[in-house]
Amino acid sequence: MYSTAQSVSHLFFFALDGALHGENCVWCIGTEWVYVGPYQIHVHFDHHTETSKFSSSVLFLHCPVKIDMARVVRMFKTFKTHWKKTTVGVCLLTWGGNWLYGKHCDNLLRRAACQEAQVFGNQLIPSNMQVKKATVFLNPAACKGKARNLFEKNAAPILHLSGLDITIVKTDYEGQAKKLLELMENTDLIIIAGGDGTVQEVITGLLRRADEATFSKIPIGFIPLGKSSTLSQTLYPGSLNQVQHIADATLAILKGETVPLDVLEIKGEKEQPVFAVTGLRWGSYRDAGVKVSKYWYLGPLKTKAAHFFSTLKEWPQKHQASLTYLGPTKRPPEEPEEKPSRPPLYVRIYRRLSLYWASPQKEIPQEATLEAWEEMQLSTIELSITTQNRQLDLTRTEDFLNICIEPDSVGKGDFINRGSQKMCDPQLCPEGSQCVQASRCILQLPEGTEGSFSIDSEEYEAMPVEVKLLPRKLQFFCDPIRRKQMLQPAVQSEVTSEGPISSGSSGSLKRALT
């Protein structure tokens, strides 16, 4: 213990030693600031006692940071001498930090989606109701072989947490989904995990079944995993983040909102038809788009290069055909979801007796109405037959498909520029094109016609075909916000659509419509 006669310097070292060794109190006298070297200490005096005791919490130490300027100068000289390595290092650190931040944000999105799915999984179901069964058709080869990893990381956890009985069917080769759909047993949901080609295979196998009238009522969910996922732009809100887009699509399946989509039935020379939800393309833009991947080494110029080299082979490029079509049809009223209640017994007996005693009425023969087919000869640079699913309007009163006949008098410069636009929007119908609305059409090609069709971004051999519209044939799960927008009365718009959609051409070999 120090007395009042002892020096303050001794008190400072005693307090500093106690603070550094974790002691809770020191004995001191007086109240003053003591400056010794780089440290400062504040001592509190208690007037009631000869000595005062204070805890280490009132001890303030100030330790200024010493900067070695010579070391800093040497560091900057090193950066200046090795500026190339410094630049590369900074770029790598920036890229690595951005990559790690992106991974962190993706994990946050996955966690939020799983928490939302857990809410559906925690819901109680009645004892007399079974758990819904969902069959997932996964194409692992989609998105250049990345589809399986994308599904397992972003979609599978959400589906398993939702309380559904999930059965995952992985396709091993092209066309397998069509065969698997013929053997599929009853299920409550069908989920397609892949791209446009996977969608086309699944709906073709589904509608080829003998009992397609029953199975076509099963709601279908689409998880966009492929390089081209045109249908996702209709069903879900757009997102630049792939994880967010997949999570939104999977959650939309759990929310249960559906919209009816039109389907094209395409019959060729074979008996088995092919079905599509987007459309059919035939022409020079499609042929040039298939070859874009060959010029990958040109980077952003590969699209223009493919269309430029296409003009060197033959010009002008014309496609001759004969088109016969029927006009649009009126949309019938929707069937009520709830069946009317059965009338009482006495009403049913009265109806039976009245039909039995009533005199038979003579049937008046009705004249058969002839279908007004129209025929036209066309010469075009590209022909496209598409559905209305791209700009879906649930309030329209007519059902029809769009036929876009582009003029063959196109300059090489316009062909190259327009080809780049069509890579972003294959359904683009440019100004000056002839647009026809029809419910059914027959396309006749001259003998010896070469080339290929693109049906939902899948390549098929060109041949005479009959295209028939099946309005509101399938029910697809849709985001509730998107469905609300479709139910709003839409202003009649031009056939030319705006806004890019993801699409691409498949590199599959030519095959017949089988």
Protein backbone atom coordinates (compact mmCIF):
# COMPACT_ATOMS: atom_id res chain seq x y z
CA MET A 1 0.00 0.00 0.00
CA TYR A 2 1.31 3.44 -0.97
CA SER A 3 1.17 6.48 1.34
CA THR A 4 0.57 10.07 0.32
CA ALA A 5 4.26 10.82 0.43
CA GLN A 6 5.19 8.27 -2.26
CA SER A 7 5.78 9.42 -5.79
CA VAL A 8 3.18 9.19 -8.51
CA SER A 9 5.62 7.46 -10.85
CA HIS A 10 5.75 4.46 -8.54
CA LEU A 11 1.96 4.45 -8.54
CA PHE A 12 1.87 4.43 -12.35
CA PHE A 13 4.11 1.39 -12.72
CA PHE A 14 2.20 -0.43 -10.02
CA ALA A 15 -1.14 0.26 -11.80
CA LEU A 16 0.28 -0.66 -15.20
CA ASP A 17 1.71 -3.91 -13.88
CA GLY A 18 -1.58 -4.83 -12.25
CA ALA A 19 -3.59 -4.06 -15.38
CA LEU A 20 -1.30 -6.06 -17.60
CA HIS A 21 -1.37 -9.05 -15.24
CA GLY A 22 -5.14 -9.01 -14.93
CA GLU A 23 -5.42 -7.68 -11.39
CA ASN A 24 -8.76 -6.11 -10.55
CA CYS A 25 -7.62 -3.18 -8.32
CA VAL A 26 -4.74 -0.99 -7.28
CA TRP A 27 -4.22 1.40 -4.37
CA CYS A 28 -3.62 5.03 -5.24
CA ILE A 29 -3.89 8.63 -4.02
CA GLY A 30 -4.83 11.85 -5.76
CA THR A 31 -6.61 12.54 -9.02
CA GLU A 32 -4.38 13.55 -11.90
CA TRP A 33 -3.19 12.58 -15.36
CA VAL A 34 0.20 10.99 -15.38
CA TYR A 35 2.07 10.82 -18.66
CA VAL A 36 4.89 8.33 -18.80
CA GLY A 37 6.22 7.51 -22.28
CA PRO A 38 3.41 6.39 -24.60
CA TYR A 39 0.98 5.49 -21.80
CA GLN A 40 -1.60 7.49 -19.88
CA ILE A 41 -3.26 6.47 -16.65
CA HIS A 42 -6.17 8.06 -14.79
CA VAL A 43 -6.30 7.64 -11.04
CA HIS A 44 -9.45 8.35 -9.02
CA PHE A 45 -9.20 9.58 -5.42
CA ASP A 46 -11.69 8.73 -2.70
CA HIS A 47 -12.13 11.60 -0.17
CA HIS A 48 -13.55 9.38 2.54
CA THR A 49 -10.57 7.08 2.87
CA GLU A 50 -6.84 7.58 2.99
CA THR A 51 -6.44 5.23 0.10
CA SER A 52 -8.78 4.57 -2.77
CA LYS A 53 -9.47 1.41 -4.69
CA PHE A 54 -10.67 1.34 -8.31
CA SER A 55 -11.28 -1.49 -10.76
CA SER A 56 -9.32 -1.94 -13.92
CA SER A 57 -12.33 -0.76 -15.91
CA VAL A 58 -11.47 2.87 -15.10
CA LEU A 59 -7.90 2.43 -16.25
CA PHE A 60 -7.33 4.02 -19.64
CA LEU A 61 -4.21 3.14 -21.60
CA HIS A 62 -3.37 4.87 -24.82
CA CYS A 63 -0.95 3.00 -27.11
CA PRO A 64 -0.21 4.91 -30.32
CA VAL A 65 0.57 2.78 -33.42
CA LYS A 66 4.11 3.05 -34.67
CA ILE A 67 4.46 3.05 -38.48
CA ASP A 68 7.71 1.96 -40.01
CA MET A 69 7.88 4.34 -42.98
CA ALA A 70 10.96 2.66 -44.39
CA ARG A 71 9.10 -0.61 -44.65
CA VAL A 72 6.17 1.08 -46.39
CA VAL A 73 8.49 2.72 -48.91
CA ARG A 74 10.14 -0.62 -49.66
CA MET A 75 6.73 -2.21 -50.22
CA PHE A 76 5.65 0.44 -52.74
CA LYS A 77 8.98 0.16 -54.54
CA THR A 78 8.41 -3.58 -54.86
CA PHE A 79 4.94 -2.97 -56.33
CA LYS A 80 6.42 -0.49 -58.80
CA THR A 81 9.22 -2.82 -59.84
CA HIS A 82 6.92 -5.84 -60.30
CA TRP A 83 3.85 -3.99 -61.55
CA LYS A 84 2.75 -6.82 -63.86
CA LYS A 85 2.64 -9.36 -61.06
CA THR A 86 0.96 -6.81 -58.85
CA THR A 87 -1.74 -6.17 -61.46
CA VAL A 88 -2.36 -9.89 -61.96
CA GLY A 89 -2.49 -10.44 -58.21
CA VAL A 90 -4.99 -7.64 -57.68
CA CYS A 91 -7.18 -8.97 -60.49
CA LEU A 92 -7.09 -12.50 -59.07
CA LEU A 93 -7.90 -11.28 -55.58
CA THR A 94 -10.79 -9.18 -56.91
CA TRP A 95 -12.18 -12.06 -58.95
CA GLY A 96 -11.77 -14.48 -56.06
CA GLY A 97 -13.51 -12.14 -53.66
CA ASN A 98 -16.37 -11.59 -56.09
CA TRP A 99 -16.67 -15.35 -56.66
CA LEU A 100 -16.79 -16.08 -52.94
CA TYR A 101 -19.38 -13.34 -52.42
CA GLY A 102 -21.51 -14.81 -55.21
CA LYS A 103 -21.32 -18.26 -53.62
CA HIS A 104 -22.35 -16.77 -50.31
CA CYS A 105 -25.35 -15.03 -51.88
CA ASP A 106 -26.37 -18.27 -53.62
CA ASN A 107 -26.27 -20.12 -50.31
CA LEU A 108 -28.49 -17.45 -48.76
CA LEU A 109 -30.98 -17.87 -51.63
CA ARG A 110 -31.01 -21.65 -51.19
CA ARG A 111 -31.54 -21.32 -47.45
CA ALA A 112 -34.46 -18.91 -47.89
CA ALA A 113 -36.08 -21.19 -50.50
CA CYS A 114 -35.70 -24.25 -48.25
CA GLN A 115 -37.26 -22.39 -45.33
CA GLU A 116 -40.24 -21.48 -47.51
CA ALA A 117 -40.55 -25.08 -48.70
CA GLN A 118 -40.44 -26.29 -45.09
CA VAL A 119 -43.68 -24.39 -44.47
CA PHE A 120 -45.44 -26.59 -47.05
CA GLY A 121 -43.87 -29.72 -45.56
CA ASN A 122 -45.09 -28.87 -42.05
CA GLN A 123 -48.72 -28.62 -43.11
CA LEU A 124 -50.96 -31.34 -41.73
CA ILE A 125 -52.91 -33.54 -44.14
CA PRO A 126 -56.17 -35.35 -43.31
CA SER A 127 -55.92 -39.00 -42.34
CA ASN A 128 -58.02 -40.06 -45.35
CA MET A 129 -55.73 -38.29 -47.82
CA GLN A 130 -52.51 -39.76 -49.19
CA VAL A 131 -49.27 -37.92 -49.77
CA LYS A 132 -49.07 -36.54 -53.30
CA LYS A 133 -46.74 -38.36 -55.67
CA ALA A 134 -44.50 -36.39 -58.00
CA THR A 135 -42.50 -37.92 -60.85
CA VAL A 136 -39.45 -35.93 -61.93
CA PHE A 137 -37.97 -36.47 -65.39
CA LEU A 138 -34.38 -35.24 -65.16
CA ASN A 139 -32.14 -34.84 -68.20
CA PRO A 140 -28.56 -34.90 -66.81
CA ALA A 141 -27.11 -34.00 -70.22
CA ALA A 142 -28.87 -30.62 -70.32
CA CYS A 143 -26.82 -27.43 -69.95
CA LYS A 144 -23.68 -29.22 -71.19
CA GLY A 145 -23.88 -31.87 -68.50
CA LYS A 146 -24.42 -29.47 -65.59
CA ALA A 147 -28.14 -30.14 -65.15
CA ARG A 148 -27.72 -32.90 -62.58
CA ASN A 149 -25.55 -30.77 -60.31
CA LEU A 150 -27.91 -27.79 -60.69
CA PHE A 151 -30.92 -29.94 -59.80
CA GLU A 152 -29.34 -31.59 -56.76
CA LYS A 153 -28.11 -28.29 -55.32
CA ASN A 154 -31.03 -25.97 -56.04
CA ALA A 155 -34.23 -27.94 -56.68
CA ALA A 156 -33.99 -31.35 -54.98
CA PRO A 157 -33.76 -30.00 -51.38
CA ILE A 158 -36.85 -27.85 -51.93
CA LEU A 159 -38.86 -30.76 -53.30
CA HIS A 160 -37.86 -33.13 -50.49
CA LEU A 161 -38.71 -30.56 -47.80
CA SER A 162 -42.13 -29.89 -49.32
CA GLY A 163 -43.62 -33.19 -48.16
CA LEU A 164 -44.10 -34.67 -51.65
CA ASP A 165 -43.34 -38.29 -52.46
CA ILE A 166 -40.62 -37.68 -55.04
CA THR A 167 -39.60 -40.20 -57.70
CA ILE A 168 -36.68 -39.08 -59.88
CA VAL A 169 -36.30 -40.64 -63.34
CA LYS A 170 -33.02 -39.85 -65.10
CA THR A 171 -32.84 -40.18 -68.86
CA ASP A 172 -29.72 -41.80 -70.33
CA TYR A 173 -30.18 -41.08 -74.03
CA GLU A 174 -32.17 -38.93 -76.40
CA GLY A 175 -35.78 -40.02 -76.85
CA GLN A 176 -35.87 -42.17 -73.70
CA ALA A 177 -38.40 -39.89 -72.00
CA LYS A 178 -40.96 -40.70 -74.71
CA LYS A 179 -40.68 -44.42 -73.96
CA LEU A 180 -40.74 -43.94 -70.20
CA LEU A 181 -43.95 -41.89 -70.41
CA GLU A 182 -45.69 -44.82 -72.12
CA LEU A 183 -44.92 -47.01 -69.08
CA MET A 184 -45.55 -44.41 -66.39
CA GLU A 185 -48.08 -45.31 -63.73
CA ASN A 186 -50.50 -42.95 -62.06
CA THR A 187 -48.96 -39.89 -60.49
CA ASP A 188 -50.26 -36.62 -59.10
CA LEU A 189 -47.60 -34.33 -60.56
CA ILE A 190 -45.18 -34.45 -63.47
CA ILE A 191 -42.03 -32.35 -63.13
CA ILE A 192 -39.70 -31.74 -66.09
CA ALA A 193 -36.12 -30.82 -65.16
CA GLY A 194 -34.19 -29.86 -68.28
CA GLY A 195 -34.47 -27.62 -71.32
CA ASP A 196 -36.79 -27.18 -74.29
CA GLY A 197 -35.83 -30.57 -75.72
CA THR A 198 -36.77 -32.35 -72.51
CA VAL A 199 -40.14 -30.60 -72.42
CA GLN A 200 -40.81 -31.60 -76.02
CA GLU A 201 -39.98 -35.25 -75.33
CA VAL A 202 -42.11 -35.48 -72.19
CA ILE A 203 -45.24 -33.91 -73.66
CA THR A 204 -44.86 -36.01 -76.83
CA GLY A 205 -44.68 -39.22 -74.81
CA LEU A 206 -47.57 -38.07 -72.63
CA LEU A 207 -49.92 -37.22 -75.51
CA ARG A 208 -49.06 -40.37 -77.45
CA ARG A 209 -50.55 -42.56 -74.74
CA ALA A 210 -53.81 -44.35 -75.42
CA ASP A 211 -55.25 -42.82 -72.24
CA GLU A 212 -53.90 -39.34 -72.96
CA ALA A 213 -57.30 -37.81 -72.20
CA THR A 214 -56.78 -38.74 -68.55
CA PHE A 215 -53.06 -38.14 -68.26
CA SER A 216 -53.21 -34.78 -70.01
CA LYS A 217 -55.12 -33.44 -66.98
CA ILE A 218 -52.13 -34.07 -64.69
CA PRO A 219 -50.48 -30.72 -63.86
CA ILE A 220 -46.92 -30.33 -65.13
CA GLY A 221 -44.09 -28.42 -63.52
CA PHE A 222 -41.03 -27.16 -65.38
CA ILE A 223 -37.64 -26.56 -63.73
CA PRO A 224 -35.43 -24.73 -66.27
CA LEU A 225 -32.00 -26.39 -66.33
CA GLY A 226 -31.18 -26.38 -70.04
CA LYS A 227 -29.29 -23.99 -72.23
CA SER A 228 -32.55 -22.99 -73.89
CA SER A 229 -35.60 -22.67 -71.63
CA THR A 230 -38.08 -20.65 -73.66
CA LEU A 231 -41.11 -21.77 -71.67
CA SER A 232 -39.71 -20.48 -68.39
CA GLN A 233 -40.05 -16.88 -69.61
CA THR A 234 -43.82 -17.40 -69.78
CA LEU A 235 -44.28 -19.23 -66.49
CA TYR A 236 -41.86 -17.51 -64.13
CA PRO A 237 -40.50 -14.00 -63.56
CA GLY A 238 -37.19 -13.28 -65.21
CA SER A 239 -33.98 -13.42 -63.17
CA LEU A 240 -30.33 -13.07 -64.08
CA ASN A 241 -29.34 -15.32 -61.17
CA GLN A 242 -29.67 -18.97 -62.18
CA VAL A 243 -30.04 -20.18 -58.59
CA GLN A 244 -32.85 -17.67 -58.00
CA HIS A 245 -34.57 -18.69 -61.25
CA ILE A 246 -34.47 -22.43 -60.42
CA ALA A 247 -35.65 -21.82 -56.85
CA ASP A 248 -38.56 -19.65 -58.03
CA ALA A 249 -39.63 -22.31 -60.53
CA THR A 250 -39.52 -25.06 -57.91
CA LEU A 251 -41.46 -23.01 -55.36
CA ALA A 252 -44.09 -22.18 -58.00
CA ILE A 253 -44.80 -25.92 -58.26
CA LEU A 254 -45.47 -26.09 -54.52
CA LYS A 255 -47.80 -23.07 -54.59
CA GLY A 256 -50.12 -24.92 -56.99
CA GLU A 257 -51.17 -22.16 -59.43
CA THR A 258 -51.61 -23.48 -62.99
CA VAL A 259 -52.28 -22.01 -66.44
CA PRO A 260 -53.47 -23.79 -69.60
CA LEU A 261 -51.02 -23.88 -72.50
CA ASP A 262 -51.65 -24.56 -76.18
CA VAL A 263 -49.95 -27.48 -77.88
CA LEU A 264 -49.09 -28.04 -81.54
CA GLU A 265 -49.69 -31.50 -82.97
CA ILE A 266 -47.28 -32.02 -85.89
CA LYS A 267 -47.87 -35.01 -88.14
CA GLY A 268 -45.37 -35.98 -90.77
CA GLU A 269 -45.09 -38.93 -93.10
CA LYS A 270 -44.94 -41.28 -90.13
CA GLU A 271 -47.95 -42.28 -88.05
CA GLN A 272 -46.64 -41.04 -84.71
CA PRO A 273 -47.08 -37.27 -84.26
CA VAL A 274 -44.74 -34.88 -82.48
CA PHE A 275 -46.06 -32.31 -80.00
CA ALA A 276 -44.62 -28.87 -79.23
CA VAL A 277 -45.47 -25.99 -76.91
CA THR A 278 -43.38 -23.31 -78.65
CA GLY A 279 -43.43 -23.85 -82.40
CA LEU A 280 -41.78 -24.92 -85.64
CA ARG A 281 -39.11 -23.07 -87.64
CA TRP A 282 -37.85 -23.71 -91.15
CA GLY A 283 -35.49 -21.46 -93.07
CA SER A 284 -32.10 -19.81 -93.41
CA TYR A 285 -31.98 -18.13 -90.00
CA ARG A 286 -32.49 -21.49 -88.32
CA ASP A 287 -29.82 -23.15 -90.47
CA ALA A 288 -27.30 -20.43 -89.69
CA GLY A 289 -28.11 -20.49 -85.99
CA VAL A 290 -27.21 -24.17 -85.77
CA LYS A 291 -23.66 -23.40 -86.95
CA VAL A 292 -22.96 -20.62 -84.45
CA SER A 293 -21.22 -22.99 -82.03
CA LYS A 294 -18.65 -23.87 -84.71
CA TYR A 295 -17.24 -20.34 -84.52
CA TRP A 296 -16.80 -20.31 -80.74
CA TYR A 297 -13.25 -19.02 -81.11
CA LEU A 298 -14.59 -15.68 -82.42
CA GLY A 299 -16.23 -14.87 -79.10
CA PRO A 300 -19.03 -12.29 -79.36
CA LEU A 301 -18.66 -12.20 -83.16
CA LYS A 302 -19.53 -15.87 -83.65
CA THR A 303 -23.22 -15.18 -84.36
CA LYS A 304 -22.52 -12.61 -87.06
CA ALA A 305 -19.78 -14.83 -88.49
CA ALA A 306 -22.16 -17.79 -88.86
CA HIS A 307 -24.71 -15.69 -90.73
CA PHE A 308 -22.01 -14.00 -92.84
CA PHE A 309 -20.53 -17.29 -94.05
CA SER A 310 -24.05 -18.53 -94.71
CA THR A 311 -24.52 -15.74 -97.29
CA LEU A 312 -21.41 -16.82 -99.22
CA LYS A 313 -22.79 -20.21 -100.23
CA GLU A 314 -25.99 -19.20 -101.95
CA TRP A 315 -27.81 -15.91 -102.33
CA PRO A 316 -30.64 -15.10 -102.30
CA GLN A 317 -31.77 -18.00 -100.15
CA LYS A 318 -35.36 -18.96 -100.95
CA HIS A 319 -37.56 -21.70 -99.55
CA GLN A 320 -40.50 -22.71 -101.75
CA ALA A 321 -43.59 -24.36 -100.28
CA SER A 322 -47.38 -24.58 -100.47
CA LEU A 323 -49.45 -23.66 -97.43
CA THR A 324 -53.09 -24.56 -96.81
CA TYR A 325 -54.76 -23.37 -93.63
CA LEU A 326 -58.00 -22.84 -91.71
CA GLY A 327 -58.88 -19.64 -89.87
CA PRO A 328 -59.10 -19.14 -86.09
CA THR A 329 -61.79 -20.84 -84.03
CA LYS A 330 -63.94 -19.41 -81.26
CA ARG A 331 -62.89 -20.41 -77.79
CA PRO A 332 -65.54 -22.57 -76.11
CA PRO A 333 -66.60 -21.72 -72.55
CA GLU A 334 -64.59 -23.36 -69.84
CA GLU A 335 -66.09 -26.39 -68.16
CA PRO A 336 -67.06 -25.83 -64.53
CA GLU A 337 -64.70 -27.48 -62.10
CA GLU A 338 -67.49 -28.58 -59.76
CA LYS A 339 -70.10 -30.99 -61.13
CA PRO A 340 -73.75 -30.01 -60.60
CA SER A 341 -75.46 -31.77 -57.75
CA ARG A 342 -77.65 -34.76 -58.53
CA PRO A 343 -81.37 -33.89 -58.67
CA PRO A 344 -83.79 -35.50 -56.18
CA LEU A 345 -85.28 -38.94 -56.84
CA TYR A 346 -88.78 -37.73 -57.78
CA VAL A 347 -87.29 -35.35 -60.38
CA ARG A 348 -85.33 -38.16 -61.99
CA ILE A 349 -88.42 -40.42 -62.07
CA TYR A 350 -90.51 -37.68 -63.69
CA ARG A 351 -87.88 -37.10 -66.37
CA ARG A 352 -87.68 -40.78 -67.17
CA LEU A 353 -91.49 -41.12 -67.49
CA SER A 354 -91.79 -37.98 -69.62
CA LEU A 355 -89.15 -39.28 -72.03
CA TYR A 356 -90.87 -42.68 -72.15
CA TRP A 357 -94.40 -41.42 -72.93
CA ALA A 358 -93.37 -38.53 -75.15
CA SER A 359 -93.75 -39.09 -78.92
CA PRO A 360 -90.41 -39.47 -80.71
CA GLN A 361 -89.31 -36.31 -82.46
CA LYS A 362 -88.18 -36.37 -86.01
CA GLU A 363 -84.56 -35.52 -86.43
CA ILE A 364 -83.94 -32.65 -88.81
CA PRO A 365 -80.87 -33.35 -90.91
CA GLN A 366 -78.31 -30.65 -90.50
CA GLU A 367 -76.29 -29.50 -93.40
CA ALA A 368 -72.62 -30.22 -93.00
CA THR A 369 -70.63 -27.04 -92.89
CA LEU A 370 -67.70 -27.04 -95.24
CA GLU A 371 -64.41 -25.96 -93.78
CA ALA A 372 -63.09 -22.87 -95.51
CA TRP A 373 -59.55 -23.92 -96.41
CA GLU A 374 -57.32 -21.32 -97.99
CA GLU A 375 -54.25 -22.09 -100.05
CA MET A 376 -51.22 -19.99 -100.89
CA GLN A 377 -47.86 -20.47 -102.59
CA LEU A 378 -44.98 -18.97 -100.71
CA SER A 379 -41.33 -18.14 -101.26
CA THR A 380 -39.67 -17.15 -98.02
CA ILE A 381 -36.34 -16.91 -96.32
CA GLU A 382 -37.87 -18.41 -93.16
CA LEU A 383 -41.25 -19.76 -92.07
CA SER A 384 -42.32 -20.10 -88.46
CA ILE A 385 -45.46 -21.60 -86.93
CA THR A 386 -45.81 -20.73 -83.25
CA THR A 387 -48.32 -20.88 -80.41
CA GLN A 388 -49.60 -18.00 -78.29
CA ASN A 389 -47.81 -19.31 -75.21
CA ARG A 390 -45.11 -16.66 -75.49
CA GLN A 391 -47.63 -13.86 -74.89
CA LEU A 392 -50.22 -15.84 -72.98
CA ASP A 393 -53.57 -14.09 -72.54
CA LEU A 394 -56.16 -16.07 -70.60
CA THR A 395 -58.92 -13.61 -71.56
CA ARG A 396 -58.77 -13.98 -75.35
CA THR A 397 -61.87 -15.28 -77.16
CA GLU A 398 -60.21 -16.98 -80.15
CA ASP A 399 -57.78 -19.86 -80.42
CA PHE A 400 -55.18 -19.72 -83.20
CA LEU A 401 -51.55 -20.27 -84.05
CA ASN A 402 -49.32 -17.67 -85.70
CA ILE A 403 -47.76 -18.27 -89.12
CA CYS A 404 -44.98 -15.82 -89.98
CA ILE A 405 -43.80 -15.75 -93.60
CA GLU A 406 -40.70 -13.56 -93.97
CA PRO A 407 -39.92 -12.06 -97.39
CA ASP A 408 -37.03 -13.51 -99.36
CA SER A 409 -35.91 -10.07 -100.60
CA VAL A 410 -33.51 -9.42 -97.74
CA GLY A 411 -30.08 -7.87 -98.14
CA LYS A 412 -26.99 -9.55 -96.77
CA GLY A 413 -26.45 -6.85 -94.16
CA ASP A 414 -30.04 -7.07 -92.93
CA PHE A 415 -29.76 -10.86 -92.89
CA ILE A 416 -26.70 -10.73 -90.63
CA ASN A 417 -28.20 -8.16 -88.25
CA ARG A 418 -31.59 -9.83 -88.10
CA GLY A 419 -29.94 -13.21 -87.53
CA SER A 420 -28.36 -11.88 -84.34
CA GLN A 421 -31.79 -10.69 -83.17
CA LYS A 422 -33.35 -14.06 -83.90
CA MET A 423 -30.74 -15.81 -81.80
CA CYS A 424 -32.15 -13.89 -78.84
CA ASP A 425 -35.79 -14.09 -79.95
CA PRO A 426 -36.54 -16.95 -82.38
CA GLN A 427 -40.23 -15.96 -82.57
CA LEU A 428 -39.41 -12.49 -83.87
CA CYS A 429 -41.59 -11.64 -86.86
CA PRO A 430 -39.90 -8.62 -88.48
CA GLU A 431 -41.61 -5.75 -90.22
CA GLY A 432 -42.71 -6.54 -93.76
CA SER A 433 -43.51 -10.19 -93.00
CA GLN A 434 -46.85 -11.75 -93.83
CA CYS A 435 -48.66 -12.93 -90.69
CA VAL A 436 -51.48 -15.48 -90.81
CA GLN A 437 -53.66 -16.68 -87.94
CA ALA A 438 -54.91 -20.24 -88.30
CA SER A 439 -56.18 -23.14 -86.26
CA ARG A 440 -54.77 -25.77 -88.58
CA CYS A 441 -52.40 -25.80 -91.54
CA ILE A 442 -50.76 -28.16 -94.02
CA LEU A 443 -47.26 -27.43 -95.30
CA GLN A 444 -46.32 -29.10 -98.58
CA LEU A 445 -42.66 -29.09 -99.61
CA PRO A 446 -41.34 -29.76 -103.14
CA GLU A 447 -39.77 -33.14 -103.76
CA GLY A 448 -36.09 -33.29 -102.98
CA THR A 449 -36.26 -30.49 -100.42
CA GLU A 450 -33.32 -30.63 -98.07
CA GLY A 451 -32.86 -29.03 -94.70
CA SER A 452 -34.31 -29.41 -91.25
CA PHE A 453 -37.12 -28.23 -89.04
CA SER A 454 -36.56 -26.88 -85.55
CA ILE A 455 -39.40 -28.05 -83.30
CA ASP A 456 -39.02 -26.60 -79.80
CA SER A 457 -35.28 -26.10 -80.48
CA GLU A 458 -34.91 -29.76 -81.51
CA GLU A 459 -33.82 -30.68 -85.04
CA TYR A 460 -36.03 -32.84 -87.27
CA GLU A 461 -35.83 -33.76 -90.92
CA ALA A 462 -37.80 -31.42 -93.20
CA MET A 463 -40.84 -33.06 -94.81
CA PRO A 464 -44.50 -32.26 -95.58
CA VAL A 465 -46.34 -31.84 -92.29
CA GLU A 466 -49.79 -31.10 -90.93
CA VAL A 467 -49.88 -28.79 -87.90
CA LYS A 468 -52.97 -28.73 -85.69
CA LEU A 469 -53.58 -26.52 -82.68
CA LEU A 470 -54.73 -28.20 -79.48
CA PRO A 471 -55.94 -25.22 -77.42
CA ARG A 472 -55.46 -25.28 -73.65
CA LYS A 473 -54.37 -28.90 -73.79
CA LEU A 474 -51.98 -29.05 -70.84
CA GLN A 475 -51.88 -27.45 -67.41
CA PHE A 476 -48.49 -26.05 -66.33
CA PHE A 477 -47.56 -24.71 -62.91
CA CYS A 478 -47.00 -20.98 -62.96
CA ASP A 479 -45.85 -18.23 -60.62
CA PRO A 480 -48.92 -16.62 -58.98
CA ILE A 481 -47.83 -13.12 -59.98
CA ARG A 482 -47.42 -14.14 -63.61
CA ARG A 483 -50.82 -15.80 -63.61
CA LYS A 484 -52.42 -12.65 -62.23
CA GLN A 485 -50.89 -10.67 -65.09
CA MET A 486 -52.28 -13.14 -67.64
CA LEU A 487 -55.79 -12.77 -66.26
CA GLN A 488 -55.76 -9.02 -66.80
CA PRO A 489 -57.34 -7.90 -70.11
CA ALA A 490 -54.52 -7.48 -72.58
CA VAL A 491 -54.39 -4.84 -75.26
CA GLN A 492 -54.24 -6.29 -78.76
CA SER A 493 -50.55 -6.26 -79.66
CA GLU A 494 -48.68 -6.85 -82.84
CA VAL A 495 -47.32 -10.23 -83.74
CA THR A 496 -43.83 -8.81 -83.46
CA SER A 497 -42.72 -9.50 -79.90
CA GLU A 498 -40.22 -7.55 -77.87
CA GLY A 499 -37.84 -8.65 -75.17
CA PRO A 500 -35.12 -11.31 -75.42
CA ILE A 501 -35.73 -14.86 -74.39
CA SER A 502 -33.21 -17.63 -73.88
CA SER A 503 -33.08 -20.01 -76.79
CA GLY A 504 -30.62 -22.05 -78.71
CA SER A 505 -30.32 -24.66 -81.38
CA SER A 506 -29.73 -28.28 -80.65
CA GLY A 507 -26.86 -30.09 -82.26
CA SER A 508 -28.72 -33.39 -82.58
CA LEU A 509 -28.68 -35.39 -85.78
CA LYS A 510 -31.51 -35.32 -88.27
CA ARG A 511 -34.29 -37.76 -87.50
CA ALA A 512 -37.74 -38.53 -88.81
CA LEU A 513 -40.92 -37.52 -86.98
CA THR A 514 -41.03 -40.68 -84.89
